Amino acid sequence: MKSLSELLIQRGLSETGQSGLFHAWPLLDQIRSEGCVVVVKLDGLRSQNCYTLVISDGPLREDFFRKDGDDLDELIKEAVNFYDSLIWRCQAPPTPDPQRSSAPPRD
């Protein structure tokens, strides 16, 4: 799995390679600009898995990413790597994820 800084550099969104949540937003915004819906939920009613990240629609078609967790930085990293493998590099995800749809293979 690529780090956020590697993905930012790959997409031409950063020259510094700095990591962290602040620097992840350009990746999420680029995914949004490509037609996806990106939802980041911070749930104050939960004491565990208080963050949810969803990426759907647009070029993903029937595929999607949805995961709950306690580390928002890690969720963003996983989501961007998921999108990167399917769209930016046009490859199948490395392993099936139970939170991913079971859509038929893409043409």
PDB file of N, CA and C in Angstrom:
ATOM      1  N   MET A   1       0.846  -1.179   0.000  1.00  0.00           N
ATOM      2  CA  MET A   1       0.000   0.000   0.000  1.00  0.00           C
ATOM      3  C   MET A   1       0.887   1.236   0.000  1.00  0.00           C
ATOM      4  N   LYS A   2       0.575   2.142  -0.897  1.00  0.00           N
ATOM      5  CA  LYS A   2       1.348   3.377  -0.971  1.00  0.00           C
ATOM      6  C   LYS A   2       0.979   4.303   0.182  1.00  0.00           C
ATOM      7  N   SER A   3       1.949   5.101   0.601  1.00  0.00           N
ATOM      8  CA  SER A   3       1.673   6.101   1.627  1.00  0.00           C
ATOM      9  C   SER A   3       0.929   7.268   0.992  1.00  0.00           C
ATOM     10  N   LEU A   4       0.317   8.090   1.832  1.00  0.00           N
ATOM     11  CA  LEU A   4      -0.370   9.276   1.311  1.00  0.00           C
ATOM     12  C   LEU A   4       0.605  10.186   0.578  1.00  0.00           C
ATOM     13  N   SER A   5       1.808  10.338   1.107  1.00  0.00           N
ATOM     14  CA  SER A   5       2.772  11.223   0.452  1.00  0.00           C
ATOM     15  C   SER A   5       3.162  10.690  -0.919  1.00  0.00           C
ATOM     16  N   GLU A   6       3.328   9.365  -1.063  1.00  0.00           N
ATOM     17  CA  GLU A   6       3.641   8.784  -2.371  1.00  0.00           C
ATOM     18  C   GLU A   6       2.504   9.015  -3.360  1.00  0.00           C
ATOM     19  N   LEU A   7       1.268   8.851  -2.903  1.00  0.00           N
ATOM     20  CA  LEU A   7       0.119   9.060  -3.777  1.00  0.00           C
ATOM     21  C   LEU A   7      -0.020  10.529  -4.180  1.00  0.00           C
ATOM     22  N   LEU A   8       0.241  11.433  -3.242  1.00  0.00           N
ATOM     23  CA  LEU A   8       0.180  12.858  -3.575  1.00  0.00           C
ATOM     24  C   LEU A   8       1.204  13.210  -4.649  1.00  0.00           C
ATOM     25  N   ILE A   9       2.413  12.698  -4.494  1.00  0.00           N
ATOM     26  CA  ILE A   9       3.462  12.969  -5.478  1.00  0.00           C
ATOM     27  C   ILE A   9       3.092  12.351  -6.816  1.00  0.00           C
ATOM     28  N   GLN A  10       2.607  11.105  -6.799  1.00  0.00           N
ATOM     29  CA  GLN A  10       2.205  10.409  -8.027  1.00  0.00           C
ATOM     30  C   GLN A  10       1.150  11.193  -8.790  1.00  0.00           C
ATOM     31  N   ARG A  11       0.196  11.779  -8.093  1.00  0.00           N
ATOM     32  CA  ARG A  11      -0.892  12.514  -8.732  1.00  0.00           C
ATOM     33  C   ARG A  11      -0.501  13.961  -9.025  1.00  0.00           C
ATOM     34  N   GLY A  12       0.736  14.359  -8.699  1.00  0.00           N
ATOM     35  CA  GLY A  12       1.195  15.710  -8.975  1.00  0.00           C
ATOM     36  C   GLY A  12       0.585  16.753  -8.060  1.00  0.00           C
ATOM     37  N   LEU A  13       0.173  16.336  -6.874  1.00  0.00           N
ATOM     38  CA  LEU A  13      -0.481  17.256  -5.945  1.00  0.00           C
ATOM     39  C   LEU A  13       0.452  17.760  -4.863  1.00  0.00           C
ATOM     40  N   SER A  14       1.674  17.218  -4.804  1.00  0.00           N
ATOM     41  CA  SER A  14       2.627  17.653  -3.794  1.00  0.00           C
ATOM     42  C   SER A  14       4.041  17.389  -4.288  1.00  0.00           C
ATOM     43  N   GLU A  15       4.909  18.307  -4.005  1.00  0.00           N
ATOM     44  CA  GLU A  15       6.325  18.096  -4.311  1.00  0.00           C
ATOM     45  C   GLU A  15       7.100  17.785  -3.047  1.00  0.00           C
ATOM     46  N   THR A  16       6.522  18.063  -1.914  1.00  0.00           N
ATOM     47  CA  THR A  16       7.245  17.909  -0.653  1.00  0.00           C
ATOM     48  C   THR A  16       7.175  16.500  -0.096  1.00  0.00           C
ATOM     49  N   GLY A  17       6.127  15.758  -0.438  1.00  0.00           N
ATOM     50  CA  GLY A  17       5.980  14.411   0.073  1.00  0.00           C
ATOM     51  C   GLY A  17       5.571  14.361   1.531  1.00  0.00           C
ATOM     52  N   GLN A  18       5.086  15.480   2.073  1.00  0.00           N
ATOM     53  CA  GLN A  18       4.654  15.479   3.461  1.00  0.00           C
ATOM     54  C   GLN A  18       3.377  14.674   3.602  1.00  0.00           C
ATOM     55  N   SER A  19       3.279  13.939   4.709  1.00  0.00           N
ATOM     56  CA  SER A  19       2.104  13.120   4.950  1.00  0.00           C
ATOM     57  C   SER A  19       1.195  13.829   5.942  1.00  0.00           C
ATOM     58  N   GLY A  20       0.064  13.218   6.220  1.00  0.00           N
ATOM     59  CA  GLY A  20      -0.861  13.755   7.199  1.00  0.00           C
ATOM     60  C   GLY A  20      -2.200  14.085   6.584  1.00  0.00           C
ATOM     61  N   LEU A  21      -3.185  14.260   7.452  1.00  0.00           N
ATOM     62  CA  LEU A  21      -4.548  14.492   6.987  1.00  0.00           C
ATOM     63  C   LEU A  21      -4.688  15.733   6.121  1.00  0.00           C
ATOM     64  N   PHE A  22      -4.029  16.817   6.520  1.00  0.00           N
ATOM     65  CA  PHE A  22      -4.147  18.053   5.761  1.00  0.00           C
ATOM     66  C   PHE A  22      -3.739  17.841   4.309  1.00  0.00           C
ATOM     67  N   HIS A  23      -2.721  17.027   4.095  1.00  0.00           N
ATOM     68  CA  HIS A  23      -2.203  16.799   2.754  1.00  0.00           C
ATOM     69  C   HIS A  23      -3.001  15.747   1.989  1.00  0.00           C
ATOM     70  N   ALA A  24      -3.897  15.025   2.668  1.00  0.00           N
ATOM     71  CA  ALA A  24      -4.722  14.013   2.005  1.00  0.00           C
ATOM     72  C   ALA A  24      -5.925  14.629   1.312  1.00  0.00           C
ATOM     73  N   TRP A  25      -6.366  15.792   1.750  1.00  0.00           N
ATOM     74  CA  TRP A  25      -7.563  16.390   1.169  1.00  0.00           C
ATOM     75  C   TRP A  25      -7.452  16.620  -0.332  1.00  0.00           C
ATOM     76  N   PRO A  26      -6.288  17.022  -0.884  1.00  0.00           N
ATOM     77  CA  PRO A  26      -6.216  17.167  -2.343  1.00  0.00           C
ATOM     78  C   PRO A  26      -6.499  15.860  -3.085  1.00  0.00           C
ATOM     79  N   LEU A  27      -6.103  14.722  -2.507  1.00  0.00           N
ATOM     80  CA  LEU A  27      -6.404  13.431  -3.137  1.00  0.00           C
ATOM     81  C   LEU A  27      -7.901  13.171  -3.139  1.00  0.00           C
ATOM     82  N   LEU A  28      -8.545  13.401  -2.012  1.00  0.00           N
ATOM     83  CA  LEU A  28      -9.990  13.196  -1.934  1.00  0.00           C
ATOM     84  C   LEU A  28     -10.723  14.162  -2.865  1.00  0.00           C
ATOM     85  N   ASP A  29     -10.226  15.389  -2.953  1.00  0.00           N
ATOM     86  CA  ASP A  29     -10.857  16.369  -3.839  1.00  0.00           C
ATOM     87  C   ASP A  29     -10.644  15.997  -5.306  1.00  0.00           C
ATOM     88  N   GLN A  30      -9.505  15.431  -5.647  1.00  0.00           N
ATOM     89  CA  GLN A  30      -9.286  14.988  -7.024  1.00  0.00           C
ATOM     90  C   GLN A  30     -10.241  13.846  -7.359  1.00  0.00           C
ATOM     91  N   ILE A  31     -10.424  12.911  -6.427  1.00  0.00           N
ATOM     92  CA  ILE A  31     -11.372  11.811  -6.640  1.00  0.00           C
ATOM     93  C   ILE A  31     -12.776  12.379  -6.847  1.00  0.00           C
ATOM     94  N   ARG A  32     -13.158  13.365  -6.037  1.00  0.00           N
ATOM     95  CA  ARG A  32     -14.453  14.030  -6.195  1.00  0.00           C
ATOM     96  C   ARG A  32     -14.567  14.676  -7.565  1.00  0.00           C
ATOM     97  N   SER A  33     -13.501  15.336  -8.002  1.00  0.00           N
ATOM     98  CA  SER A  33     -13.538  16.037  -9.293  1.00  0.00           C
ATOM     99  C   SER A  33     -13.650  15.071 -10.467  1.00  0.00           C
ATOM    100  N   GLU A  34     -13.341  13.808 -10.246  1.00  0.00           N
ATOM    101  CA  GLU A  34     -13.469  12.794 -11.295  1.00  0.00           C
ATOM    102  C   GLU A  34     -14.860  12.166 -11.304  1.00  0.00           C
ATOM    103  N   GLY A  35     -15.772  12.707 -10.492  1.00  0.00           N
ATOM    104  CA  GLY A  35     -17.168  12.286 -10.537  1.00  0.00           C
ATOM    105  C   GLY A  35     -17.645  11.419  -9.396  1.00  0.00           C
ATOM    106  N   CYS A  36     -16.802  11.169  -8.417  1.00  0.00           N
ATOM    107  CA  CYS A  36     -17.201  10.319  -7.285  1.00  0.00           C
ATOM    108  C   CYS A  36     -17.851  11.135  -6.171  1.00  0.00           C
ATOM    109  N   VAL A  37     -18.621  10.432  -5.375  1.00  0.00           N
ATOM    110  CA  VAL A  37     -19.130  10.991  -4.127  1.00  0.00           C
ATOM    111  C   VAL A  37     -18.155  10.558  -3.042  1.00  0.00           C
ATOM    112  N   VAL A  38     -17.642  11.511  -2.265  1.00  0.00           N
ATOM    113  CA  VAL A  38     -16.711  11.225  -1.175  1.00  0.00           C
ATOM    114  C   VAL A  38     -17.352  11.715   0.114  1.00  0.00           C
ATOM    115  N   VAL A  39     -17.534  10.796   1.062  1.00  0.00           N
ATOM    116  CA  VAL A  39     -18.155  11.139   2.340  1.00  0.00           C
ATOM    117  C   VAL A  39     -17.176  10.791   3.455  1.00  0.00           C
ATOM    118  N   VAL A  40     -16.897  11.781   4.305  1.00  0.00           N
ATOM    119  CA  VAL A  40     -16.111  11.556   5.510  1.00  0.00           C
ATOM    120  C   VAL A  40     -17.022  11.896   6.677  1.00  0.00           C
ATOM    121  N   LYS A  41     -17.298  10.895   7.507  1.00  0.00           N
ATOM    122  CA  LYS A  41     -18.219  11.078   8.632  1.00  0.00           C
ATOM    123  C   LYS A  41     -17.439  10.970   9.932  1.00  0.00           C
ATOM    124  N   LEU A  42     -17.643  11.929  10.828  1.00  0.00           N
ATOM    125  CA  LEU A  42     -17.055  11.917  12.158  1.00  0.00           C
ATOM    126  C   LEU A  42     -18.211  11.798  13.133  1.00  0.00           C
ATOM    127  N   ASP A  43     -18.374  10.630  13.731  1.00  0.00           N
ATOM    128  CA  ASP A  43     -19.557  10.311  14.513  1.00  0.00           C
ATOM    129  C   ASP A  43     -19.284  10.463  16.009  1.00  0.00           C
ATOM    130  N   GLY A  44     -19.793  11.534  16.585  1.00  0.00           N
ATOM    131  CA  GLY A  44     -19.605  11.808  18.004  1.00  0.00           C
ATOM    132  C   GLY A  44     -20.413  10.918  18.922  1.00  0.00           C
ATOM    133  N   LEU A  45     -21.338  10.139  18.366  1.00  0.00           N
ATOM    134  CA  LEU A  45     -22.140   9.234  19.186  1.00  0.00           C
ATOM    135  C   LEU A  45     -21.435   7.904  19.421  1.00  0.00           C
ATOM    136  N   ARG A  46     -20.382   7.634  18.676  1.00  0.00           N
ATOM    137  CA  ARG A  46     -19.644   6.375  18.820  1.00  0.00           C
ATOM    138  C   ARG A  46     -18.379   6.579  19.627  1.00  0.00           C
ATOM    139  N   SER A  47     -18.018   5.559  20.406  1.00  0.00           N
ATOM    140  CA  SER A  47     -16.744   5.605  21.116  1.00  0.00           C
ATOM    141  C   SER A  47     -15.678   4.798  20.379  1.00  0.00           C
ATOM    142  N   GLN A  48     -16.092   3.912  19.468  1.00  0.00           N
ATOM    143  CA  GLN A  48     -15.171   3.152  18.621  1.00  0.00           C
ATOM    144  C   GLN A  48     -15.644   3.264  17.184  1.00  0.00           C
ATOM    145  N   ASN A  49     -14.693   3.090  16.270  1.00  0.00           N
ATOM    146  CA  ASN A  49     -15.027   3.218  14.843  1.00  0.00           C
ATOM    147  C   ASN A  49     -15.818   4.502  14.573  1.00  0.00           C
ATOM    148  N   CYS A  50     -15.324   5.600  15.107  1.00  0.00           N
ATOM    149  CA  CYS A  50     -16.062   6.859  15.032  1.00  0.00           C
ATOM    150  C   CYS A  50     -15.901   7.587  13.698  1.00  0.00           C
ATOM    151  N   TYR A  51     -15.041   7.076  12.816  1.00  0.00           N
ATOM    152  CA  TYR A  51     -14.877   7.676  11.498  1.00  0.00           C
ATOM    153  C   TYR A  51     -15.406   6.710  10.439  1.00  0.00           C
ATOM    154  N   THR A  52     -16.056   7.257   9.427  1.00  0.00           N
ATOM    155  CA  THR A  52     -16.506   6.468   8.279  1.00  0.00           C
ATOM    156  C   THR A  52     -16.062   7.191   7.025  1.00  0.00           C
ATOM    157  N   LEU A  53     -15.524   6.434   6.072  1.00  0.00           N
ATOM    158  CA  LEU A  53     -15.139   7.016   4.799  1.00  0.00           C
ATOM    159  C   LEU A  53     -15.789   6.208   3.692  1.00  0.00           C
ATOM    160  N   VAL A  54     -16.447   6.902   2.764  1.00  0.00           N
ATOM    161  CA  VAL A  54     -17.129   6.271   1.640  1.00  0.00           C
ATOM    162  C   VAL A  54     -16.688   6.974   0.357  1.00  0.00           C
ATOM    163  N   ILE A  55     -16.355   6.168  -0.665  1.00  0.00           N
ATOM    164  CA  ILE A  55     -16.130   6.684  -2.013  1.00  0.00           C
ATOM    165  C   ILE A  55     -16.986   5.828  -2.928  1.00  0.00           C
ATOM    166  N   SER A  56     -17.856   6.489  -3.715  1.00  0.00           N
ATOM    167  CA  SER A  56     -18.763   5.741  -4.584  1.00  0.00           C
ATOM    168  C   SER A  56     -19.057   6.535  -5.844  1.00  0.00           C
ATOM    169  N   ASP A  57     -19.766   5.866  -6.766  1.00  0.00           N
ATOM    170  CA  ASP A  57     -20.264   6.459  -8.008  1.00  0.00           C
ATOM    171  C   ASP A  57     -19.132   6.862  -8.949  1.00  0.00           C
ATOM    172  N   GLY A  58     -19.446   7.701  -9.909  1.00  0.00           N
ATOM    173  CA  GLY A  58     -18.467   8.148 -10.897  1.00  0.00           C
ATOM    174  C   GLY A  58     -17.818   6.987 -11.620  1.00  0.00           C
ATOM    175  N   PRO A  59     -16.504   7.053 -11.837  1.00  0.00           N
ATOM    176  CA  PRO A  59     -15.829   6.002 -12.585  1.00  0.00           C
ATOM    177  C   PRO A  59     -15.809   4.646 -11.870  1.00  0.00           C
ATOM    178  N   LEU A  60     -16.135   4.623 -10.584  1.00  0.00           N
ATOM    179  CA  LEU A  60     -16.186   3.339  -9.873  1.00  0.00           C
ATOM    180  C   LEU A  60     -17.382   2.497 -10.300  1.00  0.00           C
ATOM    181  N   ARG A  61     -18.368   3.152 -10.895  1.00  0.00           N
ATOM    182  CA  ARG A  61     -19.604   2.491 -11.315  1.00  0.00           C
ATOM    183  C   ARG A  61     -20.202   1.695 -10.158  1.00  0.00           C
ATOM    184  N   GLU A  62     -20.199   0.371 -10.228  1.00  0.00           N
ATOM    185  CA  GLU A  62     -20.825  -0.457  -9.197  1.00  0.00           C
ATOM    186  C   GLU A  62     -19.918  -0.734  -8.001  1.00  0.00           C
ATOM    187  N   ASP A  63     -18.626  -0.474  -8.126  1.00  0.00           N
ATOM    188  CA  ASP A  63     -17.698  -0.667  -7.009  1.00  0.00           C
ATOM    189  C   ASP A  63     -17.804   0.510  -6.053  1.00  0.00           C
ATOM    190  N   PHE A  64     -17.385   0.300  -4.830  1.00  0.00           N
ATOM    191  CA  PHE A  64     -17.338   1.395  -3.863  1.00  0.00           C
ATOM    192  C   PHE A  64     -16.419   1.018  -2.717  1.00  0.00           C
ATOM    193  N   PHE A  65     -16.006   2.025  -1.960  1.00  0.00           N
ATOM    194  CA  PHE A  65     -15.236   1.826  -0.737  1.00  0.00           C
ATOM    195  C   PHE A  65     -16.069   2.382   0.405  1.00  0.00           C
ATOM    196  N   ARG A  66     -16.201   1.595   1.472  1.00  0.00           N
ATOM    197  CA  ARG A  66     -16.847   2.066   2.699  1.00  0.00           C
ATOM    198  C   ARG A  66     -16.203   1.335   3.856  1.00  0.00           C
ATOM    199  N   LYS A  67     -15.712   2.109   4.820  1.00  0.00           N
ATOM    200  CA  LYS A  67     -15.078   1.484   5.973  1.00  0.00           C
ATOM    201  C   LYS A  67     -15.188   2.410   7.180  1.00  0.00           C
ATOM    202  N   ASP A  68     -15.394   1.800   8.345  1.00  0.00           N
ATOM    203  CA  ASP A  68     -15.391   2.507   9.624  1.00  0.00           C
ATOM    204  C   ASP A  68     -14.058   2.227  10.307  1.00  0.00           C
ATOM    205  N   GLY A  69     -13.606   3.168  11.130  1.00  0.00           N
ATOM    206  CA  GLY A  69     -12.362   2.953  11.860  1.00  0.00           C
ATOM    207  C   GLY A  69     -12.102   4.041  12.871  1.00  0.00           C
ATOM    208  N   ASP A  70     -11.015   3.862  13.604  1.00  0.00           N
ATOM    209  CA  ASP A  70     -10.616   4.831  14.629  1.00  0.00           C
ATOM    210  C   ASP A  70      -9.489   5.755  14.171  1.00  0.00           C
ATOM    211  N   ASP A  71      -8.890   5.468  13.017  1.00  0.00           N
ATOM    212  CA  ASP A  71      -7.757   6.246  12.515  1.00  0.00           C
ATOM    213  C   ASP A  71      -8.123   6.807  11.133  1.00  0.00           C
ATOM    214  N   LEU A  72      -8.492   8.079  11.111  1.00  0.00           N
ATOM    215  CA  LEU A  72      -8.946   8.690   9.855  1.00  0.00           C
ATOM    216  C   LEU A  72      -7.840   8.706   8.812  1.00  0.00           C
ATOM    217  N   ASP A  73      -6.608   8.931   9.219  1.00  0.00           N
ATOM    218  CA  ASP A  73      -5.483   8.927   8.291  1.00  0.00           C
ATOM    219  C   ASP A  73      -5.368   7.568   7.600  1.00  0.00           C
ATOM    220  N   GLU A  74      -5.509   6.493   8.344  1.00  0.00           N
ATOM    221  CA  GLU A  74      -5.436   5.138   7.788  1.00  0.00           C
ATOM    222  C   GLU A  74      -6.616   4.856   6.857  1.00  0.00           C
ATOM    223  N   LEU A  75      -7.811   5.312   7.222  1.00  0.00           N
ATOM    224  CA  LEU A  75      -8.980   5.129   6.358  1.00  0.00           C
ATOM    225  C   LEU A  75      -8.785   5.832   5.014  1.00  0.00           C
ATOM    226  N   ILE A  76      -8.275   7.053   5.057  1.00  0.00           N
ATOM    227  CA  ILE A  76      -8.031   7.792   3.824  1.00  0.00           C
ATOM    228  C   ILE A  76      -6.990   7.071   2.984  1.00  0.00           C
ATOM    229  N   LYS A  77      -5.937   6.587   3.611  1.00  0.00           N
ATOM    230  CA  LYS A  77      -4.896   5.860   2.890  1.00  0.00           C
ATOM    231  C   LYS A  77      -5.484   4.626   2.198  1.00  0.00           C
ATOM    232  N   GLU A  78      -6.294   3.854   2.914  1.00  0.00           N
ATOM    233  CA  GLU A  78      -6.909   2.658   2.336  1.00  0.00           C
ATOM    234  C   GLU A  78      -7.855   3.016   1.190  1.00  0.00           C
ATOM    235  N   ALA A  79      -8.657   4.054   1.387  1.00  0.00           N
ATOM    236  CA  ALA A  79      -9.625   4.455   0.364  1.00  0.00           C
ATOM    237  C   ALA A  79      -8.927   4.937  -0.905  1.00  0.00           C
ATOM    238  N   VAL A  80      -7.903   5.754  -0.747  1.00  0.00           N
ATOM    239  CA  VAL A  80      -7.187   6.274  -1.913  1.00  0.00           C
ATOM    240  C   VAL A  80      -6.449   5.150  -2.627  1.00  0.00           C
ATOM    241  N   ASN A  81      -5.876   4.215  -1.881  1.00  0.00           N
ATOM    242  CA  ASN A  81      -5.226   3.071  -2.516  1.00  0.00           C
ATOM    243  C   ASN A  81      -6.232   2.202  -3.264  1.00  0.00           C
ATOM    244  N   PHE A  82      -7.427   2.041  -2.712  1.00  0.00           N
ATOM    245  CA  PHE A  82      -8.500   1.311  -3.385  1.00  0.00           C
ATOM    246  C   PHE A  82      -8.828   1.991  -4.719  1.00  0.00           C
ATOM    247  N   TYR A  83      -9.042   3.301  -4.677  1.00  0.00           N
ATOM    248  CA  TYR A  83      -9.371   4.060  -5.883  1.00  0.00           C
ATOM    249  C   TYR A  83      -8.212   4.023  -6.878  1.00  0.00           C
ATOM    250  N   ASP A  84      -7.020   4.187  -6.377  1.00  0.00           N
ATOM    251  CA  ASP A  84      -5.825   4.156  -7.216  1.00  0.00           C
ATOM    252  C   ASP A  84      -5.727   2.834  -7.969  1.00  0.00           C
ATOM    253  N   SER A  85      -5.970   1.725  -7.275  1.00  0.00           N
ATOM    254  CA  SER A  85      -5.826   0.415  -7.918  1.00  0.00           C
ATOM    255  C   SER A  85      -6.903   0.176  -8.982  1.00  0.00           C
ATOM    256  N   LEU A  86      -8.109   0.690  -8.764  1.00  0.00           N
ATOM    257  CA  LEU A  86      -9.192   0.470  -9.724  1.00  0.00           C
ATOM    258  C   LEU A  86      -9.230   1.480 -10.865  1.00  0.00           C
ATOM    259  N   ILE A  87      -8.909   2.722 -10.581  1.00  0.00           N
ATOM    260  CA  ILE A  87      -9.122   3.783 -11.572  1.00  0.00           C
ATOM    261  C   ILE A  87      -7.802   4.338 -12.115  1.00  0.00           C
ATOM    262  N   TRP A  88      -6.947   4.838 -11.257  1.00  0.00           N
ATOM    263  CA  TRP A  88      -5.725   5.475 -11.741  1.00  0.00           C
ATOM    264  C   TRP A  88      -4.769   4.478 -12.369  1.00  0.00           C
ATOM    265  N   ARG A  89      -4.707   3.259 -11.838  1.00  0.00           N
ATOM    266  CA  ARG A  89      -3.825   2.242 -12.421  1.00  0.00           C
ATOM    267  C   ARG A  89      -4.618   1.151 -13.125  1.00  0.00           C
ATOM    268  N   CYS A  90      -5.947   1.223 -13.077  1.00  0.00           N
ATOM    269  CA  CYS A  90      -6.840   0.283 -13.758  1.00  0.00           C
ATOM    270  C   CYS A  90      -6.479  -1.167 -13.478  1.00  0.00           C
ATOM    271  N   GLN A  91      -6.337  -1.509 -12.201  1.00  0.00           N
ATOM    272  CA  GLN A  91      -6.054  -2.874 -11.800  1.00  0.00           C
ATOM    273  C   GLN A  91      -7.114  -3.329 -10.818  1.00  0.00           C
ATOM    274  N   ALA A  92      -7.249  -4.625 -10.675  1.00  0.00           N
ATOM    275  CA  ALA A  92      -8.159  -5.173  -9.668  1.00  0.00           C
ATOM    276  C   ALA A  92      -7.567  -4.930  -8.293  1.00  0.00           C
ATOM    277  N   PRO A  93      -8.402  -4.751  -7.276  1.00  0.00           N
ATOM    278  CA  PRO A  93      -7.893  -4.592  -5.922  1.00  0.00           C
ATOM    279  C   PRO A  93      -7.071  -5.819  -5.525  1.00  0.00           C
ATOM    280  N   PRO A  94      -6.048  -5.663  -4.688  1.00  0.00           N
ATOM    281  CA  PRO A  94      -5.171  -6.771  -4.348  1.00  0.00           C
ATOM    282  C   PRO A  94      -5.885  -7.937  -3.665  1.00  0.00           C
ATOM    283  N   THR A  95      -6.836  -7.652  -2.806  1.00  0.00           N
ATOM    284  CA  THR A  95      -7.596  -8.708  -2.147  1.00  0.00           C
ATOM    285  C   THR A  95      -9.043  -8.265  -2.044  1.00  0.00           C
ATOM    286  N   PRO A  96      -9.982  -9.203  -2.138  1.00  0.00           N
ATOM    287  CA  PRO A  96     -11.386  -8.824  -1.987  1.00  0.00           C
ATOM    288  C   PRO A  96     -11.634  -8.254  -0.594  1.00  0.00           C
ATOM    289  N   ASP A  97     -12.402  -7.214  -0.529  1.00  0.00           N
ATOM    290  CA  ASP A  97     -12.742  -6.566   0.732  1.00  0.00           C
ATOM    291  C   ASP A  97     -14.224  -6.803   0.985  1.00  0.00           C
ATOM    292  N   PRO A  98     -14.600  -7.350   2.153  1.00  0.00           N
ATOM    293  CA  PRO A  98     -16.005  -7.604   2.396  1.00  0.00           C
ATOM    294  C   PRO A  98     -16.870  -6.347   2.373  1.00  0.00           C
ATOM    295  N   GLN A  99     -16.264  -5.178   2.506  1.00  0.00           N
ATOM    296  CA  GLN A  99     -17.031  -3.935   2.486  1.00  0.00           C
ATOM    297  C   GLN A  99     -17.176  -3.395   1.069  1.00  0.00           C
ATOM    298  N   ARG A 100     -16.564  -4.078   0.072  1.00  0.00           N
ATOM    299  CA  ARG A 100     -16.646  -3.670  -1.312  1.00  0.00           C
ATOM    300  C   ARG A 100     -17.777  -4.417  -1.983  1.00  0.00           C
ATOM    301  N   SER A 101     -18.414  -3.818  -2.943  1.00  0.00           N
ATOM    302  CA  SER A 101     -19.515  -4.489  -3.624  1.00  0.00           C
ATOM    303  C   SER A 101     -18.994  -5.698  -4.394  1.00  0.00           C
ATOM    304  N   SER A 102     -19.889  -6.610  -4.707  1.00  0.00           N
ATOM    305  CA  SER A 102     -19.506  -7.787  -5.479  1.00  0.00           C
ATOM    306  C   SER A 102     -19.966  -7.623  -6.916  1.00  0.00           C
ATOM    307  N   ALA A 103     -19.631  -6.513  -7.499  1.00  0.00           N
ATOM    308  CA  ALA A 103     -20.030  -6.228  -8.873  1.00  0.00           C
ATOM    309  C   ALA A 103     -19.272  -7.124  -9.832  1.00  0.00           C
ATOM    310  N   PRO A 104     -19.864  -7.394 -11.003  1.00  0.00           N
ATOM    311  CA  PRO A 104     -19.175  -8.205 -11.999  1.00  0.00           C
ATOM    312  C   PRO A 104     -17.923  -7.473 -12.498  1.00  0.00           C
ATOM    313  N   PRO A 105     -16.969  -8.206 -13.077  1.00  0.00           N
ATOM    314  CA  PRO A 105     -15.747  -7.564 -13.574  1.00  0.00           C
ATOM    315  C   PRO A 105     -16.074  -6.485 -14.602  1.00  0.00           C
ATOM    316  N   ARG A 106     -15.227  -5.458 -14.627  1.00  0.00           N
ATOM    317  CA  ARG A 106     -15.398  -4.341 -15.557  1.00  0.00           C
ATOM    318  C   ARG A 106     -14.896  -4.733 -16.929  1.00  0.00           C
ATOM    319  N   ASP A 107     -15.450  -4.112 -17.983  1.00  0.00           N
ATOM    320  CA  ASP A 107     -15.028  -4.383 -19.366  1.00  0.00           C
ATOM    321  C   ASP A 107     -13.618  -3.902 -19.579  1.00  0.00           C
TER     322      ASP A 107
END
